[in-house]
Amino acid sequence: MIDLAPDEAASWRRIRRYAVPRWMIERATERRLAGDWAGACAAANVRIAFDLTEAAAEYGADVAAAVEEDLRHLAPDLLRWHLPRLLGGRTTLEAGLTVLLSRHGAPELPDVPHLQVTTPAMAYGPQRLTLRLRPVPDGATLVDWTTARHLWDARYAADLRERCGGGPDRAPFLHPDGTPRTTAELPATDPGPDDPAARTEWLTLLHAAGDVEGAFAAAGIELDLTPPPTMHYRSAIDPVGVLAGLPLNLARLKPEARGLADALGTDRLQILHGWRSAVHLELTPDGGLRVSVAERPRYRPGDIPKMPEALWRLPADLALLRTGGVAPRHLHPLVAGSLLPGLPPADGPVGPPGPAAPEPVRVRCRGEWHQVVSRDGELSMPHTEEERQRERALRAFGGAVAGCFATHQVWTSGAGRLPRALRDQRQELFLRAQHGDTPGVLELLDAGVDPKVRDGGRRTLLHMLPLLDHEPLLPRLLAAGVDLEARELLDRTPLLTAVAERGSPALVEALVDAGARLDVVDSMDLSVEQFIMQYQRADLAFLRERLEKEHPGLGADWWEDFDGEEIEDW
């Protein structure tokens, strides 16, 4: 496939705008170039969960020195840029992954330490990464990037163009400056191996046109189209249909599979894409590659190592550049420098764009078009105070409001539909909050965005504080009148949310000090104390002690059926 599916494209456009903000790239790069790898990790919201001195004592001085060399060149912002995402209209990191960055020892040896990063446990929780040095944990969902240093190591970032099937002067489907190649400029016949970018285009177009057998044959890959045996109650699997639906980069499949298989000491890999089938890759002794389709194990991926998606498909950035979903100057600088060798020097900042000041939006009101705009911390409307009081009285008596007043009601309640332009403005604010972009949120508030806005889940910015730096935001939001006891769709207050979504002890304490009620329960009748126990918040022992004294037994009756000792061990 050449282009992304519509929902994937929408997700990637938002990811490239919000998930790795420009300031993060600039701060992490500045720290990395200064030799401060720990500072670079802090700038990119990466927690370091090991100590090099202890690593030297446990694994030896040579291993510690090799790891330190990797860390000096680790670009945590580039790592975050390339990490797998949930997609499907979402932008957050795929949860619960262990991404292996470098291996320090032969793969067949037991307990070989790996430099690795783990993604958050919660899909919509804080987007903090954790960097570790340890053996591969049992039962982890692994993504092996040990042969993909161009995704995280600044020394190899320039290899991205070659690794995605590009040539010495351009990436596939693009001119050197990033402008898309027209249909007339794409190859109509096999250009041969001397033009890697054109050959990648040819194979991709052949595959996208449905000629699966011809595309694999042109790529020099042996194809076994024998239908796999299936369980008796399942329909047969069509290998051609499976392979036609995979967005494979056939030009790079064989070398990437060979590199990873050699590193792992195996001759078999698998691609898992979808719930029903798996694509098996077998490296043959003569240097070839044989591809077949099998039924995917129902409950586990099996014993065959998984080939990560970054090695078998074209990067999303290529598709976005091709369709205009991202401007070349808005790419990560290391990505742009690799994919677009002919990109003219920028005359200003590069990287994802910062927040835009809210523009006026037209709303149909009483047969006329009015303009509403976030200005000076509120959603401003062209209505007098007398008109506002009349509408408030009408709403108090159960009357229906319309026009500007209906828009304002949806804006501050989260219930209902907004005009598209206002919905986009609200989305920018809450997506920046979701990805921990505190400077971006503050910049939008400085530009006049109403801090009392709620998202579609009826969350306020106070509910988003577990994802952000609360110190500059909490006093500002409270001073602006954001309700400390506001309830979102699950009937949780900001305090309940902070406990349930791994908010820091400092944030929880700040909310309590600000006067947050402790005797609250959500729609499941779960209390603050029960969330502390459920999520093993040992760091909130101070709050649990206070709750036991002031509000003993608060919450759901069914909670008493659980054994307290078992709860503590969850």
Protein backbone atom coordinates (compact mmCIF):
# COMPACT_ATOMS: atom_id res chain seq x y z
CA MET A 1 0.00 0.00 0.00
CA ILE A 2 1.22 3.47 -0.89
CA ASP A 3 -0.98 5.66 1.29
CA LEU A 4 -2.27 5.22 4.82
CA ALA A 5 -5.84 4.20 5.57
CA PRO A 6 -7.98 7.27 6.40
CA ASP A 7 -8.10 6.65 10.17
CA GLU A 8 -4.35 5.92 10.25
CA ALA A 9 -3.60 9.07 8.28
CA ALA A 10 -5.73 11.18 10.63
CA SER A 11 -3.95 9.72 13.64
CA TRP A 12 -0.47 10.24 12.20
CA ARG A 13 -1.23 13.84 11.24
CA ARG A 14 -2.16 14.59 14.84
CA ILE A 15 0.78 12.59 16.19
CA ARG A 16 3.24 14.55 14.07
CA ARG A 17 1.76 17.82 15.32
CA TYR A 18 1.34 17.12 19.02
CA ALA A 19 3.15 14.00 20.29
CA VAL A 20 6.75 15.28 20.08
CA PRO A 21 6.60 19.08 20.39
CA ARG A 22 9.29 21.33 18.98
CA TRP A 23 10.52 22.51 22.37
CA MET A 24 11.10 18.87 23.42
CA ILE A 25 13.22 18.20 20.33
CA GLU A 26 15.21 21.40 20.86
CA ARG A 27 15.88 20.81 24.57
CA ALA A 28 16.72 17.12 24.16
CA THR A 29 19.05 17.89 21.24
CA GLU A 30 20.80 20.67 23.14
CA ARG A 31 21.39 18.39 26.13
CA ARG A 32 22.55 15.48 23.94
CA LEU A 33 25.04 17.63 22.04
CA ALA A 34 26.33 18.93 25.37
CA GLY A 35 27.05 15.34 26.47
CA ASP A 36 24.25 15.31 29.06
CA TRP A 37 22.34 12.14 28.11
CA ALA A 38 20.39 12.16 31.36
CA GLY A 39 19.26 15.73 30.69
CA ALA A 40 18.22 14.75 27.16
CA CYS A 41 16.08 11.94 28.60
CA ALA A 42 14.50 14.30 31.12
CA ALA A 43 13.64 16.77 28.34
CA ALA A 44 11.94 13.98 26.35
CA ASN A 45 9.99 12.68 29.38
CA VAL A 46 12.04 9.50 29.74
CA ARG A 47 12.67 8.14 33.23
CA ILE A 48 16.01 6.42 33.83
CA ALA A 49 15.55 3.27 35.94
CA PHE A 50 19.15 2.09 36.32
CA ASP A 51 22.55 3.25 37.51
CA LEU A 52 25.71 2.81 35.44
CA THR A 53 27.87 2.21 38.49
CA GLU A 54 25.60 -0.61 39.62
CA ALA A 55 25.52 -1.94 36.05
CA ALA A 56 29.33 -2.11 36.01
CA ALA A 57 29.28 -4.11 39.22
CA GLU A 58 26.60 -6.50 37.94
CA TYR A 59 27.53 -6.94 34.26
CA GLY A 60 31.16 -5.83 34.10
CA ALA A 61 33.01 -2.66 33.19
CA ASP A 62 33.03 -3.45 29.45
CA VAL A 63 29.25 -3.73 29.29
CA ALA A 64 28.81 -0.53 31.30
CA ALA A 65 31.21 1.33 28.99
CA ALA A 66 29.37 0.08 25.88
CA VAL A 67 26.02 1.11 27.36
CA GLU A 68 27.37 4.55 28.27
CA GLU A 69 28.55 4.98 24.68
CA ASP A 70 25.04 4.15 23.45
CA LEU A 71 23.53 6.60 25.92
CA ARG A 72 25.76 9.44 24.70
CA HIS A 73 24.22 9.07 21.26
CA LEU A 74 20.68 8.19 22.31
CA ALA A 75 18.23 10.73 20.86
CA PRO A 76 15.19 10.14 23.12
CA ASP A 77 13.11 12.61 21.11
CA LEU A 78 13.84 10.63 17.91
CA LEU A 79 12.98 7.41 19.76
CA ARG A 80 9.64 8.88 20.82
CA TRP A 81 9.03 10.06 17.24
CA HIS A 82 9.28 6.51 15.85
CA LEU A 83 7.65 4.45 18.64
CA PRO A 84 4.50 2.43 17.77
CA ARG A 85 1.18 4.19 18.34
CA LEU A 86 -2.33 2.94 19.01
CA LEU A 87 -3.80 4.70 15.92
CA GLY A 88 -7.44 4.06 14.96
CA GLY A 89 -8.11 7.75 15.53
CA ARG A 90 -5.88 7.79 18.61
CA THR A 91 -2.42 9.29 19.12
CA THR A 92 -1.05 7.74 22.31
CA LEU A 93 1.81 5.26 22.53
CA GLU A 94 0.99 1.59 22.20
CA ALA A 95 0.88 0.49 25.83
CA GLY A 96 2.84 -2.25 27.56
CA LEU A 97 5.70 -2.64 25.05
CA THR A 98 9.32 -3.44 25.80
CA VAL A 99 11.44 -2.00 23.00
CA LEU A 100 14.93 -3.50 22.86
CA LEU A 101 17.51 -0.92 21.76
CA SER A 102 20.87 -2.65 22.11
CA ARG A 103 22.08 -6.08 23.18
CA HIS A 104 25.28 -6.52 25.18
CA GLY A 105 26.21 -10.16 24.76
CA ALA A 106 25.52 -13.08 22.45
CA PRO A 107 21.76 -13.74 22.06
CA GLU A 108 22.11 -17.40 22.97
CA LEU A 109 23.61 -16.59 26.39
CA PRO A 110 21.24 -16.47 29.38
CA ASP A 111 20.45 -13.17 31.11
CA VAL A 112 22.06 -10.97 28.46
CA PRO A 113 21.51 -7.32 29.46
CA HIS A 114 19.63 -5.14 26.98
CA LEU A 115 19.27 -1.40 26.91
CA GLN A 116 15.49 -1.15 26.57
CA VAL A 117 12.62 1.27 26.89
CA THR A 118 9.15 0.41 28.16
CA THR A 119 6.03 2.25 27.09
CA PRO A 120 3.30 3.28 29.56
CA ALA A 121 1.04 0.63 31.05
CA MET A 122 -2.07 2.73 30.38
CA ALA A 123 -3.13 3.73 26.87
CA TYR A 124 -4.42 7.15 27.97
CA GLY A 125 -2.21 7.68 30.99
CA PRO A 126 0.98 9.73 31.21
CA GLN A 127 3.13 9.24 28.09
CA ARG A 128 6.31 8.80 30.09
CA LEU A 129 8.86 6.25 28.87
CA THR A 130 11.15 4.26 31.13
CA LEU A 131 14.74 3.44 30.14
CA ARG A 132 16.16 0.25 31.68
CA LEU A 133 19.22 -1.97 31.51
CA ARG A 134 18.31 -5.57 32.29
CA PRO A 135 17.76 -8.99 30.70
CA VAL A 136 14.65 -9.42 28.60
CA PRO A 137 11.75 -9.90 31.05
CA ASP A 138 9.68 -13.07 30.74
CA GLY A 139 6.29 -12.58 29.14
CA ALA A 140 7.03 -9.06 27.85
CA THR A 141 5.58 -7.86 24.55
CA LEU A 142 8.82 -7.28 22.67
CA VAL A 143 9.72 -4.92 19.85
CA ASP A 144 13.29 -5.66 18.75
CA TRP A 145 15.06 -2.55 17.46
CA THR A 146 18.58 -3.84 18.06
CA THR A 147 19.15 -3.79 14.27
CA ALA A 148 17.27 -0.50 13.81
CA ARG A 149 19.57 2.05 15.38
CA HIS A 150 18.45 4.66 12.84
CA LEU A 151 15.23 4.91 14.89
CA TRP A 152 16.94 6.04 18.11
CA ASP A 153 20.74 6.50 17.70
CA ALA A 154 21.74 9.92 16.34
CA ARG A 155 24.86 8.40 14.71
CA TYR A 156 22.66 6.31 12.41
CA ALA A 157 19.66 8.62 11.88
CA ALA A 158 20.85 9.45 8.35
CA ASP A 159 20.40 5.76 7.40
CA LEU A 160 16.59 6.14 7.42
CA ARG A 161 16.46 6.98 3.72
CA GLU A 162 18.30 3.82 2.71
CA ARG A 163 16.48 1.65 5.27
CA CYS A 164 13.10 2.62 3.80
CA GLY A 165 14.21 1.84 0.25
CA GLY A 166 15.55 5.18 -0.87
CA GLY A 167 18.62 5.98 -2.93
CA PRO A 168 21.60 8.27 -2.49
CA ASP A 169 19.68 11.40 -3.52
CA ARG A 170 16.01 10.88 -2.61
CA ALA A 171 13.41 8.81 -0.73
CA PRO A 172 10.72 6.75 -2.51
CA PHE A 173 7.78 8.72 -3.97
CA LEU A 174 9.46 12.06 -3.23
CA HIS A 175 11.79 14.53 -4.85
CA PRO A 176 14.91 15.44 -2.83
CA ASP A 177 13.18 18.57 -1.46
CA GLY A 178 10.14 16.61 -0.25
CA THR A 179 7.66 17.46 -3.01
CA PRO A 180 5.73 14.36 -4.14
CA ARG A 181 6.55 12.73 -7.47
CA THR A 182 3.64 12.80 -9.87
CA THR A 183 2.07 9.69 -11.33
CA ALA A 184 3.86 10.38 -14.61
CA GLU A 185 7.20 10.45 -12.80
CA LEU A 186 6.72 7.05 -11.13
CA PRO A 187 8.15 3.99 -12.92
CA ALA A 188 5.88 2.05 -15.25
CA THR A 189 8.37 -0.82 -15.62
CA ASP A 190 11.04 -2.38 -13.44
CA PRO A 191 13.87 0.20 -13.24
CA GLY A 192 16.38 -2.38 -12.01
CA PRO A 193 18.62 -2.33 -8.93
CA ASP A 194 20.68 0.73 -9.88
CA ASP A 195 17.92 3.14 -8.79
CA PRO A 196 16.83 1.95 -5.30
CA ALA A 197 14.14 4.62 -4.82
CA ALA A 198 12.52 3.91 -8.19
CA ARG A 199 12.70 0.16 -7.57
CA THR A 200 10.94 0.60 -4.22
CA GLU A 201 8.25 2.62 -6.00
CA TRP A 202 7.84 -0.05 -8.69
CA LEU A 203 7.51 -2.93 -6.23
CA THR A 204 5.13 -0.93 -4.01
CA LEU A 205 2.92 0.04 -6.96
CA LEU A 206 2.88 -3.54 -8.25
CA HIS A 207 1.86 -4.84 -4.83
CA ALA A 208 -0.76 -2.08 -4.36
CA ALA A 209 -2.28 -2.96 -7.74
CA GLY A 210 -3.04 -6.49 -6.45
CA ASP A 211 -0.32 -8.39 -8.33
CA VAL A 212 0.98 -10.09 -5.19
CA GLU A 213 2.78 -12.94 -6.95
CA GLY A 214 4.36 -10.63 -9.48
CA ALA A 215 5.53 -8.19 -6.79
CA PHE A 216 7.13 -10.91 -4.67
CA ALA A 217 8.77 -12.45 -7.73
CA ALA A 218 10.16 -9.06 -8.79
CA ALA A 219 11.58 -8.60 -5.28
CA GLY A 220 13.30 -12.00 -5.47
CA ILE A 221 11.23 -13.46 -2.64
CA GLU A 222 9.95 -17.04 -2.81
CA LEU A 223 6.23 -17.25 -2.11
CA ASP A 224 4.44 -20.29 -0.71
CA LEU A 225 0.71 -19.75 -1.25
CA THR A 226 -0.42 -23.04 0.28
CA PRO A 227 -3.49 -22.25 2.43
CA PRO A 228 -2.65 -22.97 6.08
CA PRO A 229 -4.61 -25.58 8.05
CA THR A 230 -7.21 -23.99 10.29
CA MET A 231 -9.33 -25.11 13.19
CA HIS A 232 -12.45 -26.96 12.05
CA TYR A 233 -14.90 -24.19 12.92
CA ARG A 234 -12.94 -21.42 11.21
CA SER A 235 -13.12 -20.36 7.58
CA ALA A 236 -10.12 -20.93 5.33
CA ILE A 237 -7.38 -18.31 5.16
CA ASP A 238 -6.57 -16.86 1.72
CA PRO A 239 -2.78 -16.26 1.62
CA VAL A 240 -3.02 -13.91 -1.38
CA GLY A 241 -5.65 -11.82 0.40
CA VAL A 242 -3.56 -11.64 3.57
CA LEU A 243 -0.41 -10.55 1.72
CA ALA A 244 -2.33 -8.08 -0.47
CA GLY A 245 -3.68 -6.37 2.66
CA LEU A 246 -0.28 -5.93 4.30
CA PRO A 247 1.52 -2.63 3.59
CA LEU A 248 4.82 -4.41 2.94
CA ASN A 249 7.98 -2.64 1.80
CA LEU A 250 9.05 -5.48 -0.49
CA ALA A 251 12.24 -3.75 -1.57
CA ARG A 252 13.62 -3.95 1.97
CA LEU A 253 11.91 -7.07 3.33
CA LYS A 254 14.73 -9.50 2.54
CA PRO A 255 17.70 -7.44 3.85
CA GLU A 256 15.81 -6.34 6.97
CA ALA A 257 14.71 -9.90 7.76
CA ARG A 258 18.23 -11.17 7.19
CA GLY A 259 19.76 -8.55 9.47
CA LEU A 260 17.37 -9.21 12.35
CA ALA A 261 17.51 -13.00 11.98
CA ASP A 262 21.31 -12.99 12.02
CA ALA A 263 21.33 -10.80 15.13
CA LEU A 264 18.93 -13.16 16.90
CA GLY A 265 20.64 -16.34 15.76
CA THR A 266 17.52 -17.70 14.04
CA ASP A 267 16.33 -18.43 10.51
CA ARG A 268 12.63 -17.73 11.07
CA LEU A 269 10.66 -14.57 11.80
CA GLN A 270 7.00 -13.69 11.72
CA ILE A 271 4.89 -10.62 10.97
CA LEU A 272 1.76 -10.24 13.10
CA HIS A 273 -0.77 -7.89 11.54
CA GLY A 274 -4.40 -8.51 12.34
CA TRP A 275 -6.00 -11.05 14.66
CA ARG A 276 -6.36 -14.08 12.40
CA SER A 277 -3.18 -14.78 10.46
CA ALA A 278 0.60 -14.51 10.67
CA VAL A 279 3.16 -14.16 7.87
CA HIS A 280 6.15 -16.46 8.33
CA LEU A 281 9.55 -15.47 6.95
CA GLU A 282 12.11 -18.25 6.48
CA LEU A 283 15.71 -17.42 5.59
CA THR A 284 17.12 -20.10 3.28
CA PRO A 285 20.76 -21.30 3.31
CA ASP A 286 21.38 -19.83 -0.16
CA GLY A 287 20.58 -16.31 1.07
CA GLY A 288 16.98 -16.27 -0.10
CA LEU A 289 13.72 -15.58 1.69
CA ARG A 290 10.62 -17.79 1.67
CA VAL A 291 7.27 -16.30 2.72
CA SER A 292 4.16 -18.23 3.76
CA VAL A 293 0.94 -17.53 5.66
CA ALA A 294 -0.10 -19.38 8.81
CA GLU A 295 -2.97 -19.22 11.25
CA ARG A 296 -2.06 -16.99 14.14
CA PRO A 297 -1.92 -18.63 17.59
CA ARG A 298 -5.02 -17.61 19.51
CA TYR A 299 -3.55 -16.63 22.86
CA ARG A 300 0.15 -15.96 22.27
CA PRO A 301 2.42 -14.98 19.38
CA GLY A 302 4.25 -18.33 19.44
CA ASP A 303 7.95 -19.05 19.67
CA ILE A 304 8.97 -17.43 16.37
CA PRO A 305 10.51 -13.95 16.92
CA LYS A 306 8.36 -11.08 15.75
CA MET A 307 9.65 -8.72 13.08
CA PRO A 308 8.85 -5.16 14.19
CA GLU A 309 6.63 -3.06 11.95
CA ALA A 310 9.30 -0.41 11.47
CA LEU A 311 11.36 -2.96 9.52
CA TRP A 312 8.70 -4.27 7.12
CA ARG A 313 6.63 -1.24 6.10
CA LEU A 314 7.28 2.21 4.70
CA PRO A 315 7.48 4.98 7.34
CA ALA A 316 4.32 6.95 7.97
CA ASP A 317 6.24 10.15 7.26
CA LEU A 318 6.65 9.16 3.60
CA ALA A 319 2.89 8.75 3.19
CA LEU A 320 2.21 12.03 5.01
CA LEU A 321 4.69 13.92 2.82
CA ARG A 322 3.22 12.34 -0.30
CA THR A 323 -0.35 13.42 0.56
CA GLY A 324 0.45 16.77 2.16
CA GLY A 325 -0.38 15.54 5.66
CA VAL A 326 2.81 17.11 7.02
CA ALA A 327 5.06 19.89 5.75
CA PRO A 328 8.74 18.95 5.26
CA ARG A 329 9.90 21.65 7.69
CA HIS A 330 7.59 20.20 10.38
CA LEU A 331 9.33 16.82 10.50
CA HIS A 332 11.81 15.94 13.21
CA PRO A 333 15.08 17.56 11.99
CA LEU A 334 16.95 14.23 11.95
CA VAL A 335 14.15 12.61 9.95
CA ALA A 336 13.93 15.52 7.52
CA GLY A 337 17.71 15.56 7.08
CA SER A 338 17.68 11.89 6.11
CA LEU A 339 14.55 11.61 3.97
CA LEU A 340 14.94 14.98 2.22
CA PRO A 341 18.59 15.61 1.31
CA GLY A 342 17.56 18.43 -1.04
CA LEU A 343 15.41 20.33 1.44
CA PRO A 344 16.47 24.02 1.39
CA PRO A 345 17.83 25.43 4.64
CA ALA A 346 15.08 26.72 6.90
CA ASP A 347 14.77 30.44 7.53
CA GLY A 348 13.16 29.82 10.94
CA PRO A 349 12.44 27.13 13.52
CA VAL A 350 12.06 23.53 12.31
CA GLY A 351 10.06 20.71 13.81
CA PRO A 352 6.35 20.37 14.62
CA PRO A 353 4.50 23.70 14.75
CA GLY A 354 3.66 25.30 18.06
CA PRO A 355 0.18 26.28 19.23
CA ALA A 356 -1.79 28.69 17.11
CA ALA A 357 -3.75 31.58 18.62
CA PRO A 358 -7.49 30.77 18.51
CA GLU A 359 -9.29 32.22 15.49
CA PRO A 360 -12.89 33.52 15.55
CA VAL A 361 -15.50 30.94 14.59
CA ARG A 362 -18.84 31.68 12.92
CA VAL A 363 -21.97 30.43 14.71
CA ARG A 364 -25.57 30.63 13.47
CA CYS A 365 -27.51 32.57 16.10
CA ARG A 366 -31.10 33.86 15.83
CA GLY A 367 -31.01 33.85 12.05
CA GLU A 368 -27.68 35.68 11.88
CA TRP A 369 -24.01 34.68 11.76
CA HIS A 370 -22.10 35.65 14.91
CA GLN A 371 -18.43 35.19 15.74
CA VAL A 372 -17.27 33.54 18.94
CA VAL A 373 -13.64 33.36 19.97
CA SER A 374 -11.53 32.36 22.96
CA ARG A 375 -10.23 35.67 24.23
CA ASP A 376 -8.94 36.79 27.61
CA GLY A 377 -9.67 33.41 29.19
CA GLU A 378 -13.29 32.99 28.11
CA LEU A 379 -15.36 32.10 25.06
CA SER A 380 -16.36 35.59 23.96
CA MET A 381 -19.76 36.17 22.29
CA PRO A 382 -21.31 39.33 20.77
CA HIS A 383 -24.10 39.49 23.35
CA THR A 384 -24.84 41.96 26.12
CA GLU A 385 -24.87 41.06 29.78
CA GLU A 386 -28.64 41.47 29.79
CA GLU A 387 -28.96 38.87 27.03
CA ARG A 388 -26.67 36.53 28.92
CA GLN A 389 -28.77 36.84 32.08
CA ARG A 390 -31.94 36.13 30.12
CA GLU A 391 -30.43 32.96 28.62
CA ARG A 392 -29.18 31.81 32.03
CA ALA A 393 -32.67 32.25 33.46
CA LEU A 394 -34.17 30.37 30.52
CA ARG A 395 -31.76 27.48 31.08
CA ALA A 396 -32.47 27.48 34.83
CA PHE A 397 -36.15 26.94 34.12
CA GLY A 398 -35.40 24.06 31.74
CA GLY A 399 -35.66 25.98 28.51
CA ALA A 400 -33.58 25.15 25.44
CA VAL A 401 -30.78 27.52 24.50
CA ALA A 402 -29.54 28.00 20.95
CA GLY A 403 -26.94 29.76 18.86
CA CYS A 404 -23.99 31.31 20.68
CA PHE A 405 -25.35 30.33 24.09
CA ALA A 406 -25.75 26.67 23.10
CA THR A 407 -22.16 26.71 21.80
CA HIS A 408 -20.93 28.20 25.09
CA GLN A 409 -22.86 25.56 27.05
CA VAL A 410 -21.25 22.71 25.08
CA TRP A 411 -17.82 24.35 25.40
CA THR A 412 -18.00 24.47 29.20
CA SER A 413 -19.86 21.17 29.77
CA GLY A 414 -18.40 18.82 27.15
CA ALA A 415 -21.90 17.52 26.38
CA GLY A 416 -23.06 18.06 22.80
CA ARG A 417 -21.54 19.07 19.47
CA LEU A 418 -19.41 22.08 18.71
CA PRO A 419 -18.80 23.72 15.34
CA ARG A 420 -15.87 21.95 13.64
CA ALA A 421 -13.44 24.86 14.01
CA LEU A 422 -14.11 25.12 17.76
CA ARG A 423 -13.84 21.36 18.08
CA ASP A 424 -10.41 21.54 16.43
CA GLN A 425 -9.31 24.26 18.86
CA ARG A 426 -10.47 22.21 21.83
CA GLN A 427 -8.76 19.13 20.42
CA GLU A 428 -5.44 20.95 20.11
CA LEU A 429 -5.55 21.97 23.77
CA PHE A 430 -6.43 18.51 25.08
CA LEU A 431 -4.07 16.63 22.75
CA ARG A 432 -1.20 18.80 23.91
CA ALA A 433 -2.24 18.03 27.48
CA GLN A 434 -2.49 14.29 26.67
CA HIS A 435 1.11 14.29 25.45
CA GLY A 436 2.48 16.20 28.43
CA ASP A 437 3.09 19.44 26.52
CA THR A 438 2.93 21.82 29.49
CA PRO A 439 4.60 24.71 27.60
CA GLY A 440 2.09 24.28 24.76
CA VAL A 441 -0.87 24.33 27.14
CA LEU A 442 0.46 27.43 28.88
CA GLU A 443 1.01 29.12 25.52
CA LEU A 444 -2.60 28.46 24.53
CA LEU A 445 -3.84 29.83 27.86
CA ASP A 446 -1.65 32.89 27.35
CA ALA A 447 -3.24 33.29 23.90
CA GLY A 448 -6.64 33.60 25.58
CA VAL A 449 -8.09 30.06 25.45
CA ASP A 450 -10.85 29.61 28.02
CA PRO A 451 -9.41 27.34 30.78
CA LYS A 452 -12.94 26.24 31.77
CA VAL A 453 -13.38 24.26 28.53
CA ARG A 454 -14.20 20.53 28.78
CA ASP A 455 -13.44 17.78 26.27
CA GLY A 456 -15.85 15.19 24.87
CA GLY A 457 -15.32 13.06 27.98
CA ARG A 458 -16.29 16.09 30.10
CA ARG A 459 -12.78 16.36 31.53
CA THR A 460 -11.43 19.73 32.59
CA LEU A 461 -7.78 20.72 32.49
CA LEU A 462 -7.67 19.84 36.20
CA HIS A 463 -8.44 16.23 35.21
CA MET A 464 -5.47 16.36 32.81
CA LEU A 465 -2.91 17.37 35.44
CA PRO A 466 -1.55 13.80 35.94
CA LEU A 467 -0.17 14.15 32.40
CA LEU A 468 1.33 17.61 32.89
CA ASP A 469 3.55 19.63 35.19
CA HIS A 470 0.99 20.72 37.76
CA GLU A 471 3.11 23.37 39.49
CA PRO A 472 2.56 26.19 36.96
CA LEU A 473 -0.90 25.01 35.93
CA LEU A 474 -2.81 24.18 39.12
CA PRO A 475 -2.77 27.66 40.71
CA ARG A 476 -3.56 29.25 37.36
CA LEU A 477 -6.56 27.00 36.73
CA LEU A 478 -7.93 27.47 40.24
CA ALA A 479 -7.52 31.24 39.96
CA ALA A 480 -9.46 31.11 36.68
CA GLY A 481 -12.37 29.41 38.42
CA VAL A 482 -12.02 25.84 37.10
CA ASP A 483 -14.13 23.67 39.41
CA LEU A 484 -12.01 21.54 41.75
CA GLU A 485 -14.95 19.14 42.16
CA ALA A 486 -15.92 18.90 38.48
CA ARG A 487 -17.13 15.45 37.40
CA GLU A 488 -16.14 13.85 34.09
CA LEU A 489 -17.98 11.10 32.20
CA LEU A 490 -17.01 8.41 34.75
CA ASP A 491 -18.09 10.76 37.54
CA ARG A 492 -14.51 11.23 38.74
CA THR A 493 -13.21 14.44 40.26
CA PRO A 494 -9.68 15.67 39.50
CA LEU A 495 -8.49 14.07 42.77
CA LEU A 496 -9.99 10.67 41.91
CA THR A 497 -8.44 10.93 38.44
CA ALA A 498 -5.02 11.83 39.83
CA VAL A 499 -5.03 8.74 42.05
CA ALA A 500 -6.39 6.39 39.37
CA GLU A 501 -4.16 7.64 36.53
CA ARG A 502 -0.81 7.53 38.29
CA GLY A 503 -0.65 11.21 39.18
CA SER A 504 2.40 12.08 41.26
CA PRO A 505 2.19 12.25 45.07
CA ALA A 506 3.06 15.96 44.78
CA LEU A 507 0.03 16.54 42.55
CA VAL A 508 -2.29 14.59 44.85
CA GLU A 509 -1.02 16.52 47.86
CA ALA A 510 -1.44 19.82 46.02
CA LEU A 511 -5.06 18.99 45.14
CA VAL A 512 -5.79 18.04 48.75
CA ASP A 513 -4.14 21.24 50.00
CA ALA A 514 -6.25 23.22 47.53
CA GLY A 515 -9.37 21.86 49.25
CA ALA A 516 -10.33 18.85 47.11
CA ARG A 517 -12.98 16.75 48.84
CA LEU A 518 -11.81 13.34 50.01
CA ASP A 519 -15.27 11.78 50.47
CA VAL A 520 -16.02 11.31 46.77
CA VAL A 521 -16.84 8.20 44.75
CA ASP A 522 -17.14 7.63 40.99
CA SER A 523 -19.90 6.01 38.92
CA MET A 524 -18.71 2.57 40.09
CA ASP A 525 -19.01 3.77 43.70
CA LEU A 526 -15.23 3.53 44.10
CA SER A 527 -13.56 5.89 46.55
CA VAL A 528 -10.13 7.49 46.69
CA GLU A 529 -8.96 4.90 49.22
CA GLN A 530 -10.12 2.02 47.02
CA PHE A 531 -8.20 3.40 44.04
CA ILE A 532 -5.11 3.70 46.23
CA MET A 533 -5.39 0.01 47.08
CA GLN A 534 -6.41 -1.14 43.61
CA TYR A 535 -3.42 0.53 41.93
CA GLN A 536 -0.98 -0.25 44.75
CA ARG A 537 -0.28 3.42 45.41
CA ALA A 538 2.18 2.88 48.22
CA ASP A 539 3.41 6.40 47.50
CA LEU A 540 0.05 7.72 48.74
CA ALA A 541 0.21 6.09 52.18
CA PHE A 542 -0.17 9.53 53.79
CA LEU A 543 -3.52 10.01 52.10
CA ARG A 544 -4.75 6.51 52.84
CA GLU A 545 -4.07 6.98 56.56
CA ARG A 546 -6.05 10.20 56.56
CA LEU A 547 -8.96 8.59 54.68
CA GLU A 548 -9.12 5.67 57.11
CA LYS A 549 -9.47 8.15 59.96
CA GLU A 550 -11.86 10.64 58.37
CA HIS A 551 -13.95 8.48 55.99
CA PRO A 552 -13.73 4.81 57.01
CA GLY A 553 -15.66 2.34 54.88
CA LEU A 554 -16.50 4.83 52.14
CA GLY A 555 -17.29 3.26 48.77
CA ALA A 556 -18.82 0.20 47.15
CA ASP A 557 -20.23 -2.58 49.29
CA TRP A 558 -18.93 -5.22 46.88
CA TRP A 559 -15.38 -4.09 47.67
CA GLU A 560 -15.68 -5.73 51.06
CA ASP A 561 -15.85 -9.14 49.34
CA PHE A 562 -12.18 -8.87 48.42
CA ASP A 563 -9.52 -10.08 50.80
CA GLY A 564 -7.47 -7.16 51.98
CA GLU A 565 -4.18 -9.06 51.85
CA GLU A 566 -4.82 -10.05 48.23
CA ILE A 567 -5.56 -6.45 47.29
CA GLU A 568 -2.25 -5.33 48.69
CA ASP A 569 -0.46 -7.88 46.49
CA TRP A 570 -2.09 -6.81 43.21
